Amino acid sequence: MLIPITTVAELGMLLRATRKSQGVRLDDAAGSAGVGPVFAGEVERGKEAVQLGLVLKLLEEVGLQLKVDFPENALPMLRQLQEKGVRPLPPRRTSKGAKS
């Protein structure tokens, strides 16, 4: 079933409902996904500022897939970008006095 997502809270609610329907504890799902239980709980409660990569790991762990309704007219540009590749981000600089 496809359900439109318009807020982070809606995504978190779907994640929680799926996990609970599977009888999986929050800490178990978090551990299997390689994230902490506090982070997993924050995602389920709709925290706005979270790391998308970790959210995707949680979704995968419970069997959810995030899909984007991509406009067909942008497909040629997507293919061009896929062929060309994306330049990686430069490494972050540490602030003065920070331990490396």
N, C-alpha and C. Protein backbone atom coordinates (compact mmCIF):
# COMPACT_ATOMS: atom_id res chain seq x y z
N MET A 1 0.84 -1.17 0.00
CA MET A 1 0.00 0.00 0.00
C MET A 1 0.89 1.25 0.00
N LEU A 2 0.63 2.16 -0.91
CA LEU A 2 1.39 3.41 -0.95
C LEU A 2 0.66 4.46 -0.12
N ILE A 3 1.38 5.06 0.80
CA ILE A 3 0.82 6.10 1.67
C ILE A 3 1.66 7.36 1.48
N PRO A 4 1.02 8.46 1.09
CA PRO A 4 1.79 9.70 0.93
C PRO A 4 2.31 10.20 2.27
N ILE A 5 3.55 10.67 2.25
CA ILE A 5 4.20 11.20 3.46
C ILE A 5 4.43 12.69 3.23
N THR A 6 3.92 13.50 4.14
CA THR A 6 4.12 14.95 4.01
C THR A 6 4.88 15.54 5.20
N THR A 7 5.05 14.75 6.25
CA THR A 7 5.80 15.24 7.41
C THR A 7 6.71 14.14 7.95
N VAL A 8 7.70 14.56 8.72
CA VAL A 8 8.59 13.61 9.38
C VAL A 8 7.80 12.78 10.39
N ALA A 9 6.83 13.41 11.04
CA ALA A 9 6.02 12.70 12.03
C ALA A 9 5.23 11.57 11.38
N GLU A 10 4.71 11.77 10.17
CA GLU A 10 3.99 10.72 9.47
C GLU A 10 4.90 9.54 9.16
N LEU A 11 6.13 9.82 8.73
CA LEU A 11 7.09 8.76 8.44
C LEU A 11 7.42 7.98 9.72
N GLY A 12 7.63 8.70 10.81
CA GLY A 12 7.92 8.07 12.09
C GLY A 12 6.77 7.18 12.57
N MET A 13 5.55 7.64 12.35
CA MET A 13 4.39 6.87 12.76
C MET A 13 4.28 5.57 11.95
N LEU A 14 4.58 5.63 10.66
CA LEU A 14 4.56 4.43 9.84
C LEU A 14 5.65 3.45 10.29
N LEU A 15 6.81 3.98 10.61
CA LEU A 15 7.91 3.15 11.09
C LEU A 15 7.50 2.45 12.39
N ARG A 16 6.93 3.20 13.32
CA ARG A 16 6.53 2.64 14.61
C ARG A 16 5.43 1.58 14.44
N ALA A 17 4.43 1.88 13.62
CA ALA A 17 3.33 0.95 13.40
C ALA A 17 3.85 -0.36 12.80
N THR A 18 4.77 -0.25 11.85
CA THR A 18 5.32 -1.46 11.22
C THR A 18 6.12 -2.27 12.22
N ARG A 19 6.99 -1.60 12.97
CA ARG A 19 7.81 -2.30 13.96
C ARG A 19 6.94 -3.00 14.99
N LYS A 20 5.94 -2.29 15.53
CA LYS A 20 5.09 -2.87 16.57
C LYS A 20 4.25 -4.02 16.02
N SER A 21 3.79 -3.90 14.76
CA SER A 21 2.97 -4.97 14.18
C SER A 21 3.80 -6.25 14.00
N GLN A 22 5.12 -6.10 13.91
CA GLN A 22 6.02 -7.24 13.78
C GLN A 22 6.44 -7.80 15.14
N GLY A 23 6.03 -7.11 16.21
CA GLY A 23 6.39 -7.56 17.55
C GLY A 23 7.86 -7.34 17.88
N VAL A 24 8.47 -6.34 17.24
CA VAL A 24 9.90 -6.06 17.44
C VAL A 24 10.04 -4.91 18.43
N ARG A 25 10.89 -5.09 19.42
CA ARG A 25 11.15 -4.02 20.39
C ARG A 25 11.99 -2.93 19.73
N LEU A 26 11.83 -1.71 20.22
CA LEU A 26 12.56 -0.57 19.69
C LEU A 26 14.07 -0.79 19.75
N ASP A 27 14.56 -1.24 20.88
CA ASP A 27 16.01 -1.43 21.01
C ASP A 27 16.53 -2.53 20.09
N ASP A 28 15.72 -3.56 19.84
CA ASP A 28 16.14 -4.62 18.92
C ASP A 28 16.21 -4.11 17.48
N ALA A 29 15.20 -3.36 17.07
CA ALA A 29 15.20 -2.80 15.70
C ALA A 29 16.37 -1.85 15.53
N ALA A 30 16.60 -1.03 16.54
CA ALA A 30 17.71 -0.07 16.49
C ALA A 30 19.04 -0.80 16.38
N GLY A 31 19.25 -1.79 17.21
CA GLY A 31 20.50 -2.55 17.19
C GLY A 31 20.74 -3.24 15.87
N SER A 32 19.70 -3.85 15.32
CA SER A 32 19.83 -4.54 14.03
C SER A 32 20.15 -3.58 12.90
N ALA A 33 19.65 -2.34 13.01
CA ALA A 33 19.89 -1.33 11.98
C ALA A 33 21.22 -0.60 12.20
N GLY A 34 21.85 -0.83 13.35
CA GLY A 34 23.13 -0.19 13.63
C GLY A 34 23.01 1.23 14.13
N VAL A 35 21.86 1.52 14.77
CA VAL A 35 21.66 2.84 15.36
C VAL A 35 21.29 2.67 16.82
N GLY A 36 21.33 3.74 17.56
CA GLY A 36 20.98 3.68 18.97
C GLY A 36 19.48 3.75 19.19
N PRO A 37 19.01 3.21 20.33
CA PRO A 37 17.58 3.24 20.62
C PRO A 37 17.03 4.66 20.82
N VAL A 38 17.85 5.56 21.31
CA VAL A 38 17.40 6.95 21.47
C VAL A 38 17.12 7.55 20.10
N PHE A 39 18.05 7.33 19.15
CA PHE A 39 17.86 7.84 17.79
C PHE A 39 16.60 7.23 17.18
N ALA A 40 16.43 5.92 17.31
CA ALA A 40 15.26 5.25 16.74
C ALA A 40 13.97 5.81 17.32
N GLY A 41 13.96 6.04 18.61
CA GLY A 41 12.78 6.62 19.26
C GLY A 41 12.50 8.03 18.77
N GLU A 42 13.55 8.81 18.56
CA GLU A 42 13.37 10.17 18.05
C GLU A 42 12.77 10.15 16.65
N VAL A 43 13.23 9.22 15.82
CA VAL A 43 12.68 9.10 14.47
C VAL A 43 11.21 8.74 14.55
N GLU A 44 10.87 7.78 15.38
CA GLU A 44 9.48 7.36 15.50
C GLU A 44 8.58 8.47 16.04
N ARG A 45 9.14 9.37 16.82
CA ARG A 45 8.36 10.49 17.35
C ARG A 45 8.39 11.71 16.44
N GLY A 46 9.04 11.59 15.28
CA GLY A 46 8.97 12.65 14.28
C GLY A 46 9.96 13.78 14.45
N LYS A 47 11.09 13.51 15.07
CA LYS A 47 12.10 14.56 15.21
C LYS A 47 12.49 15.07 13.83
N GLU A 48 12.48 16.37 13.66
CA GLU A 48 12.72 17.00 12.36
C GLU A 48 14.15 16.85 11.86
N ALA A 49 15.13 16.99 12.73
CA ALA A 49 16.53 16.99 12.30
C ALA A 49 17.18 15.64 12.65
N VAL A 50 17.17 14.73 11.67
CA VAL A 50 17.80 13.42 11.85
C VAL A 50 18.63 13.12 10.62
N GLN A 51 19.56 12.19 10.75
CA GLN A 51 20.40 11.79 9.62
C GLN A 51 19.62 10.85 8.72
N LEU A 52 19.39 11.27 7.49
CA LEU A 52 18.57 10.50 6.56
C LEU A 52 19.14 9.11 6.32
N GLY A 53 20.45 8.99 6.22
CA GLY A 53 21.05 7.68 5.99
C GLY A 53 20.70 6.69 7.09
N LEU A 54 20.68 7.15 8.32
CA LEU A 54 20.32 6.27 9.44
C LEU A 54 18.83 5.96 9.44
N VAL A 55 18.02 6.94 9.04
CA VAL A 55 16.58 6.70 8.94
C VAL A 55 16.31 5.61 7.90
N LEU A 56 17.03 5.68 6.78
CA LEU A 56 16.86 4.67 5.73
C LEU A 56 17.23 3.27 6.25
N LYS A 57 18.25 3.19 7.10
CA LYS A 57 18.63 1.90 7.69
C LYS A 57 17.50 1.35 8.56
N LEU A 58 16.88 2.24 9.35
CA LEU A 58 15.76 1.81 10.20
C LEU A 58 14.59 1.33 9.35
N LEU A 59 14.26 2.08 8.30
CA LEU A 59 13.17 1.69 7.42
C LEU A 59 13.44 0.31 6.81
N GLU A 60 14.66 0.12 6.33
CA GLU A 60 15.03 -1.15 5.73
C GLU A 60 14.90 -2.29 6.73
N GLU A 61 15.28 -2.03 7.97
CA GLU A 61 15.26 -3.06 9.01
C GLU A 61 13.86 -3.62 9.23
N VAL A 62 12.84 -2.77 9.12
CA VAL A 62 11.47 -3.24 9.33
C VAL A 62 10.75 -3.56 8.02
N GLY A 63 11.46 -3.42 6.89
CA GLY A 63 10.89 -3.80 5.61
C GLY A 63 10.17 -2.69 4.87
N LEU A 64 10.40 -1.44 5.25
CA LEU A 64 9.79 -0.31 4.55
C LEU A 64 10.75 0.25 3.51
N GLN A 65 10.21 0.76 2.42
CA GLN A 65 11.01 1.40 1.39
C GLN A 65 10.51 2.82 1.21
N LEU A 66 11.42 3.74 1.12
CA LEU A 66 11.08 5.13 0.85
C LEU A 66 11.15 5.32 -0.66
N LYS A 67 10.06 5.80 -1.27
CA LYS A 67 10.02 6.01 -2.70
C LYS A 67 9.67 7.46 -2.98
N VAL A 68 10.16 7.96 -4.10
CA VAL A 68 9.92 9.34 -4.49
C VAL A 68 9.08 9.37 -5.76
N ASP A 69 8.07 10.19 -5.78
CA ASP A 69 7.25 10.37 -6.98
C ASP A 69 8.00 11.34 -7.89
N PHE A 70 8.80 10.78 -8.77
CA PHE A 70 9.74 11.54 -9.59
C PHE A 70 9.07 11.94 -10.91
N PRO A 71 9.17 13.20 -11.30
CA PRO A 71 8.54 13.63 -12.56
C PRO A 71 9.26 13.07 -13.78
N GLU A 72 8.49 12.54 -14.71
CA GLU A 72 9.08 11.94 -15.91
C GLU A 72 9.92 12.92 -16.72
N ASN A 73 9.53 14.18 -16.73
CA ASN A 73 10.27 15.15 -17.54
C ASN A 73 11.68 15.42 -17.00
N ALA A 74 11.97 14.97 -15.78
CA ALA A 74 13.31 15.14 -15.21
C ALA A 74 14.18 13.90 -15.43
N LEU A 75 13.61 12.86 -16.03
CA LEU A 75 14.34 11.61 -16.23
C LEU A 75 15.60 11.78 -17.08
N PRO A 76 15.57 12.55 -18.19
CA PRO A 76 16.81 12.73 -18.95
C PRO A 76 17.94 13.36 -18.12
N MET A 77 17.60 14.31 -17.27
CA MET A 77 18.61 14.94 -16.42
C MET A 77 19.15 13.95 -15.40
N LEU A 78 18.29 13.11 -14.85
CA LEU A 78 18.74 12.10 -13.90
C LEU A 78 19.72 11.15 -14.56
N ARG A 79 19.39 10.70 -15.76
CA ARG A 79 20.30 9.78 -16.47
C ARG A 79 21.64 10.45 -16.76
N GLN A 80 21.59 11.71 -17.13
CA GLN A 80 22.83 12.45 -17.39
C GLN A 80 23.68 12.53 -16.12
N LEU A 81 23.05 12.83 -15.01
CA LEU A 81 23.78 12.92 -13.74
C LEU A 81 24.33 11.55 -13.32
N GLN A 82 23.57 10.50 -13.57
CA GLN A 82 24.03 9.15 -13.22
C GLN A 82 25.25 8.77 -14.04
N GLU A 83 25.27 9.14 -15.32
CA GLU A 83 26.42 8.84 -16.18
C GLU A 83 27.64 9.64 -15.76
N LYS A 84 27.42 10.91 -15.46
CA LYS A 84 28.52 11.81 -15.11
C LYS A 84 29.03 11.53 -13.70
N GLY A 85 28.14 11.17 -12.82
CA GLY A 85 28.51 10.97 -11.42
C GLY A 85 28.43 12.27 -10.65
N VAL A 86 28.52 12.18 -9.38
CA VAL A 86 28.45 13.35 -8.51
C VAL A 86 29.79 13.49 -7.79
N ARG A 87 30.31 14.69 -7.80
CA ARG A 87 31.58 14.95 -7.12
C ARG A 87 31.38 14.75 -5.62
N PRO A 88 32.25 13.99 -4.98
CA PRO A 88 32.09 13.76 -3.53
C PRO A 88 32.31 15.05 -2.74
N LEU A 89 31.69 15.10 -1.59
CA LEU A 89 31.86 16.25 -0.72
C LEU A 89 33.28 16.26 -0.16
N PRO A 90 33.86 17.45 0.01
CA PRO A 90 35.19 17.50 0.63
C PRO A 90 35.07 17.12 2.10
N PRO A 91 36.15 16.61 2.68
CA PRO A 91 36.10 16.25 4.10
C PRO A 91 35.86 17.49 4.95
N ARG A 92 35.16 17.30 6.05
CA ARG A 92 34.89 18.43 6.95
C ARG A 92 36.15 18.83 7.67
N ARG A 93 36.31 20.12 7.85
CA ARG A 93 37.44 20.60 8.64
C ARG A 93 37.05 20.62 10.10
N THR A 94 37.97 20.23 10.94
CA THR A 94 37.68 20.27 12.38
C THR A 94 37.98 21.66 12.88
N SER A 95 37.25 22.06 13.91
CA SER A 95 37.48 23.38 14.47
C SER A 95 38.77 23.38 15.30
N LYS A 96 39.30 24.58 15.50
CA LYS A 96 40.54 24.68 16.28
C LYS A 96 40.31 24.16 17.68
N GLY A 97 41.26 23.41 18.14
CA GLY A 97 41.19 22.88 19.50
C GLY A 97 40.45 21.56 19.60
N ALA A 98 39.82 21.15 18.49
CA ALA A 98 39.12 19.86 18.53
C ALA A 98 40.13 18.72 18.40
N LYS A 99 39.87 17.68 19.13
CA LYS A 99 40.75 16.53 19.08
C LYS A 99 40.42 15.71 17.84
N SER A 100 41.45 15.22 17.10
CA SER A 100 41.18 14.42 15.92
C SER A 100 41.29 12.96 16.21
